[in-house]
Amino acid sequence: MVTVKLNYIRHSAKKLRPIARLMLGKNVDWAINTTAVMSQDSAGFVNKLLKMASAAASQKELDPSKMVIGEMMATEGPKIKRMRPNARGRSNKYQKHLAHLTITLKAAPADKKAKPAPKTKAKKESK
C-alpha cells in the first residue's frame, strides 16, 4: 500500500473531484495514460500525482502495473485572500482556492474464477 500527497495545488478541490472519482478502482498505468490526454487542467495535476505514486511504488519494490487506485481525495486547502480596486475608491474581496490531493494505491485483487449463475426454476406461464 502506497500513499502520496500533493499539497497546496493552485486549483479548486471542486474541479479536481470529478477526475478523482473517475480514477477510483482503475489500474495505475491506465489512469496515467488517460489523464495525459484529458483536456481539463485538473487532469494534469492528477497525472502528476499518479506518476509520483507510481514512482513511490517502484521505490518500495512493488510493481506499479499491478497496483490499483484504492482511494483518491481532493480536499480544500487554505484560501489566499486578495483585494481588487473598484469604482469610487472601494474594493472587492476575492479568494484564490488551493487544494490537497491524496492517493492510496493498493495491490490489485487476485482474479478468481467466476462462479456460474445459480440455476432458477422456470416459471409456468398461464394463458
C-alpha atoms as a PDB file:
ATOM      1  CA  MET A   1       0.000   0.000   0.000  1.00  0.00           C
ATOM      2  CA  VAL A   2       1.400   3.364  -1.073  1.00  0.00           C
ATOM      3  CA  THR A   3       0.078   6.802  -0.047  1.00  0.00           C
ATOM      4  CA  VAL A   4       1.214  10.019  -1.756  1.00  0.00           C
ATOM      5  CA  LYS A   5       0.078  13.632  -1.222  1.00  0.00           C
ATOM      6  CA  LEU A   6       0.270  16.693  -3.438  1.00  0.00           C
ATOM      7  CA  ASN A   7      -0.372  19.762  -1.272  1.00  0.00           C
ATOM      8  CA  TYR A   8      -1.207  23.402  -1.977  1.00  0.00           C
ATOM      9  CA  ILE A   9      -2.287  23.000  -5.612  1.00  0.00           C
ATOM     10  CA  ARG A  10      -3.468  26.296  -7.118  1.00  0.00           C
ATOM     11  CA  HIS A  11      -6.739  24.738  -8.242  1.00  0.00           C
ATOM     12  CA  SER A  12     -10.076  24.269  -6.518  1.00  0.00           C
ATOM     13  CA  ALA A  13     -10.930  20.911  -4.997  1.00  0.00           C
ATOM     14  CA  LYS A  14     -14.372  21.098  -6.591  1.00  0.00           C
ATOM     15  CA  LYS A  15     -12.791  20.841 -10.051  1.00  0.00           C
ATOM     16  CA  LEU A  16     -10.424  18.023  -9.019  1.00  0.00           C
ATOM     17  CA  ARG A  17     -13.069  15.715  -7.501  1.00  0.00           C
ATOM     18  CA  PRO A  18     -14.797  14.523 -10.725  1.00  0.00           C
ATOM     19  CA  ILE A  19     -11.462  13.380 -12.193  1.00  0.00           C
ATOM     20  CA  ALA A  20     -10.528  11.707  -8.901  1.00  0.00           C
ATOM     21  CA  ARG A  21     -13.862   9.836  -8.828  1.00  0.00           C
ATOM     22  CA  LEU A  22     -13.326   8.662 -12.396  1.00  0.00           C
ATOM     23  CA  MET A  23      -9.971   7.075 -11.491  1.00  0.00           C
ATOM     24  CA  LEU A  24     -11.102   5.105  -8.415  1.00  0.00           C
ATOM     25  CA  GLY A  25     -10.522   1.362  -8.735  1.00  0.00           C
ATOM     26  CA  LYS A  26      -8.629   1.683 -12.018  1.00  0.00           C
ATOM     27  CA  ASN A  27      -5.174   0.383 -12.882  1.00  0.00           C
ATOM     28  CA  VAL A  28      -2.391   2.959 -12.354  1.00  0.00           C
ATOM     29  CA  ASP A  29      -0.966   2.643 -15.878  1.00  0.00           C
ATOM     30  CA  TRP A  30      -4.428   3.086 -17.402  1.00  0.00           C
ATOM     31  CA  ALA A  31      -5.082   6.138 -15.215  1.00  0.00           C
ATOM     32  CA  ILE A  32      -1.750   7.770 -16.148  1.00  0.00           C
ATOM     33  CA  ASN A  33      -2.412   7.288 -19.863  1.00  0.00           C
ATOM     34  CA  THR A  34      -5.999   8.530 -19.582  1.00  0.00           C
ATOM     35  CA  THR A  35      -5.203  11.702 -17.633  1.00  0.00           C
ATOM     36  CA  ALA A  36      -2.352  12.518 -20.037  1.00  0.00           C
ATOM     37  CA  VAL A  37      -4.802  13.049 -22.904  1.00  0.00           C
ATOM     38  CA  MET A  38      -7.666  14.697 -20.987  1.00  0.00           C
ATOM     39  CA  SER A  39      -8.301  18.355 -21.777  1.00  0.00           C
ATOM     40  CA  GLN A  40      -9.123  19.557 -18.234  1.00  0.00           C
ATOM     41  CA  ASP A  41      -6.437  21.386 -16.257  1.00  0.00           C
ATOM     42  CA  SER A  42      -7.344  19.201 -13.275  1.00  0.00           C
ATOM     43  CA  ALA A  43      -6.217  16.100 -15.175  1.00  0.00           C
ATOM     44  CA  GLY A  44      -2.668  17.488 -15.319  1.00  0.00           C
ATOM     45  CA  PHE A  45      -2.470  17.652 -11.519  1.00  0.00           C
ATOM     46  CA  VAL A  46      -3.944  14.159 -11.163  1.00  0.00           C
ATOM     47  CA  ASN A  47      -1.488  12.860 -13.779  1.00  0.00           C
ATOM     48  CA  LYS A  48       1.422  14.358 -11.833  1.00  0.00           C
ATOM     49  CA  LEU A  49       0.188  12.715  -8.618  1.00  0.00           C
ATOM     50  CA  LEU A  50      -0.268   9.342 -10.334  1.00  0.00           C
ATOM     51  CA  LYS A  51       3.295   9.459 -11.661  1.00  0.00           C
ATOM     52  CA  MET A  52       4.547  10.305  -8.159  1.00  0.00           C
ATOM     53  CA  ALA A  53       2.596   7.371  -6.708  1.00  0.00           C
ATOM     54  CA  SER A  54       3.905   5.025  -9.403  1.00  0.00           C
ATOM     55  CA  ALA A  55       7.476   6.087  -8.634  1.00  0.00           C
ATOM     56  CA  ALA A  56       6.878   5.628  -4.891  1.00  0.00           C
ATOM     57  CA  ALA A  57       5.518   2.118  -5.504  1.00  0.00           C
ATOM     58  CA  SER A  58       8.558   1.131  -7.553  1.00  0.00           C
ATOM     59  CA  GLN A  59      10.795   2.652  -4.846  1.00  0.00           C
ATOM     60  CA  LYS A  60       9.150   0.274  -2.350  1.00  0.00           C
ATOM     61  CA  GLU A  61       9.855  -2.582  -4.789  1.00  0.00           C
ATOM     62  CA  LEU A  62       6.190  -3.030  -5.738  1.00  0.00           C
ATOM     63  CA  ASP A  63       5.088  -3.453  -9.339  1.00  0.00           C
ATOM     64  CA  PRO A  64       3.139  -0.296 -10.302  1.00  0.00           C
ATOM     65  CA  SER A  65       1.438  -2.067 -13.218  1.00  0.00           C
ATOM     66  CA  LYS A  66      -0.235  -4.446 -10.740  1.00  0.00           C
ATOM     67  CA  MET A  67      -1.490  -1.664  -8.471  1.00  0.00           C
ATOM     68  CA  VAL A  68      -4.954  -0.084  -8.498  1.00  0.00           C
ATOM     69  CA  ILE A  69      -6.165   3.208  -7.095  1.00  0.00           C
ATOM     70  CA  GLY A  70      -7.784   2.391  -3.777  1.00  0.00           C
ATOM     71  CA  GLU A  71      -8.553   5.903  -2.597  1.00  0.00           C
ATOM     72  CA  MET A  72      -8.192   9.371  -4.093  1.00  0.00           C
ATOM     73  CA  MET A  73      -9.279  12.506  -2.255  1.00  0.00           C
ATOM     74  CA  ALA A  74      -9.298  16.173  -3.184  1.00  0.00           C
ATOM     75  CA  THR A  75      -9.696  18.340  -0.082  1.00  0.00           C
ATOM     76  CA  GLU A  76      -9.859  22.083   0.365  1.00  0.00           C
ATOM     77  CA  GLY A  77      -6.669  23.858   1.292  1.00  0.00           C
ATOM     78  CA  PRO A  78      -6.259  27.346   2.746  1.00  0.00           C
ATOM     79  CA  LYS A  79      -7.656  30.237   0.753  1.00  0.00           C
ATOM     80  CA  ILE A  80      -5.481  33.106  -0.461  1.00  0.00           C
ATOM     81  CA  LYS A  81      -7.383  36.333   0.225  1.00  0.00           C
ATOM     82  CA  ARG A  82      -6.943  39.249  -2.164  1.00  0.00           C
ATOM     83  CA  MET A  83      -8.473  42.680  -2.822  1.00  0.00           C
ATOM     84  CA  ARG A  84      -9.245  44.259  -6.185  1.00  0.00           C
ATOM     85  CA  PRO A  85      -9.787  48.014  -6.659  1.00  0.00           C
ATOM     86  CA  ASN A  86     -13.305  49.036  -7.590  1.00  0.00           C
ATOM     87  CA  ALA A  87     -15.066  52.228  -8.601  1.00  0.00           C
ATOM     88  CA  ARG A  88     -15.373  55.244  -6.277  1.00  0.00           C
ATOM     89  CA  GLY A  89     -12.416  54.229  -4.096  1.00  0.00           C
ATOM     90  CA  ARG A  90     -13.959  50.969  -2.961  1.00  0.00           C
ATOM     91  CA  SER A  91     -12.502  47.487  -3.131  1.00  0.00           C
ATOM     92  CA  ASN A  92     -13.790  43.989  -3.780  1.00  0.00           C
ATOM     93  CA  LYS A  93     -12.549  40.961  -1.876  1.00  0.00           C
ATOM     94  CA  TYR A  94     -11.924  37.666  -3.645  1.00  0.00           C
ATOM     95  CA  GLN A  95     -10.327  34.350  -2.767  1.00  0.00           C
ATOM     96  CA  LYS A  96      -7.946  32.088  -4.630  1.00  0.00           C
ATOM     97  CA  HIS A  97      -8.573  28.421  -3.917  1.00  0.00           C
ATOM     98  CA  LEU A  98      -5.942  25.845  -3.003  1.00  0.00           C
ATOM     99  CA  ALA A  99      -6.410  22.092  -2.766  1.00  0.00           C
ATOM    100  CA  HIS A 100      -4.683  18.999  -1.422  1.00  0.00           C
ATOM    101  CA  LEU A 101      -4.707  15.732  -3.433  1.00  0.00           C
ATOM    102  CA  THR A 102      -4.138  12.395  -1.711  1.00  0.00           C
ATOM    103  CA  ILE A 103      -3.898   8.995  -3.383  1.00  0.00           C
ATOM    104  CA  THR A 104      -3.600   5.493  -1.954  1.00  0.00           C
ATOM    105  CA  LEU A 105      -2.523   2.636  -4.198  1.00  0.00           C
ATOM    106  CA  LYS A 106      -3.225  -0.959  -3.268  1.00  0.00           C
ATOM    107  CA  ALA A 107      -2.420  -4.298  -4.828  1.00  0.00           C
ATOM    108  CA  ALA A 108      -4.883  -5.472  -7.462  1.00  0.00           C
ATOM    109  CA  PRO A 109      -7.156  -8.248  -6.226  1.00  0.00           C
ATOM    110  CA  ALA A 110      -6.247 -11.695  -7.497  1.00  0.00           C
ATOM    111  CA  ASP A 111      -8.522 -12.859 -10.301  1.00  0.00           C
ATOM    112  CA  LYS A 112     -10.776 -15.602  -9.042  1.00  0.00           C
ATOM    113  CA  LYS A 113     -12.720 -17.971 -11.214  1.00  0.00           C
ATOM    114  CA  ALA A 114     -16.178 -16.602 -11.784  1.00  0.00           C
ATOM    115  CA  LYS A 115     -18.880 -18.740 -10.244  1.00  0.00           C
ATOM    116  CA  PRO A 116     -21.650 -19.766 -12.597  1.00  0.00           C
ATOM    117  CA  ALA A 117     -25.010 -18.109 -12.036  1.00  0.00           C
ATOM    118  CA  PRO A 118     -27.355 -20.152  -9.870  1.00  0.00           C
ATOM    119  CA  LYS A 119     -29.980 -22.075 -11.793  1.00  0.00           C
ATOM    120  CA  THR A 120     -33.511 -20.871 -11.328  1.00  0.00           C
ATOM    121  CA  LYS A 121     -36.695 -22.777 -11.889  1.00  0.00           C
ATOM    122  CA  ALA A 122     -38.639 -21.720 -14.943  1.00  0.00           C
ATOM    123  CA  LYS A 123     -41.983 -20.192 -14.118  1.00  0.00           C
ATOM    124  CA  LYS A 124     -45.060 -21.663 -15.746  1.00  0.00           C
ATOM    125  CA  GLU A 125     -46.853 -19.238 -17.991  1.00  0.00           C
ATOM    126  CA  SER A 126     -50.615 -19.158 -17.684  1.00  0.00           C
ATOM    127  CA  LYS A 127     -52.718 -18.491 -20.752  1.00  0.00           C
END
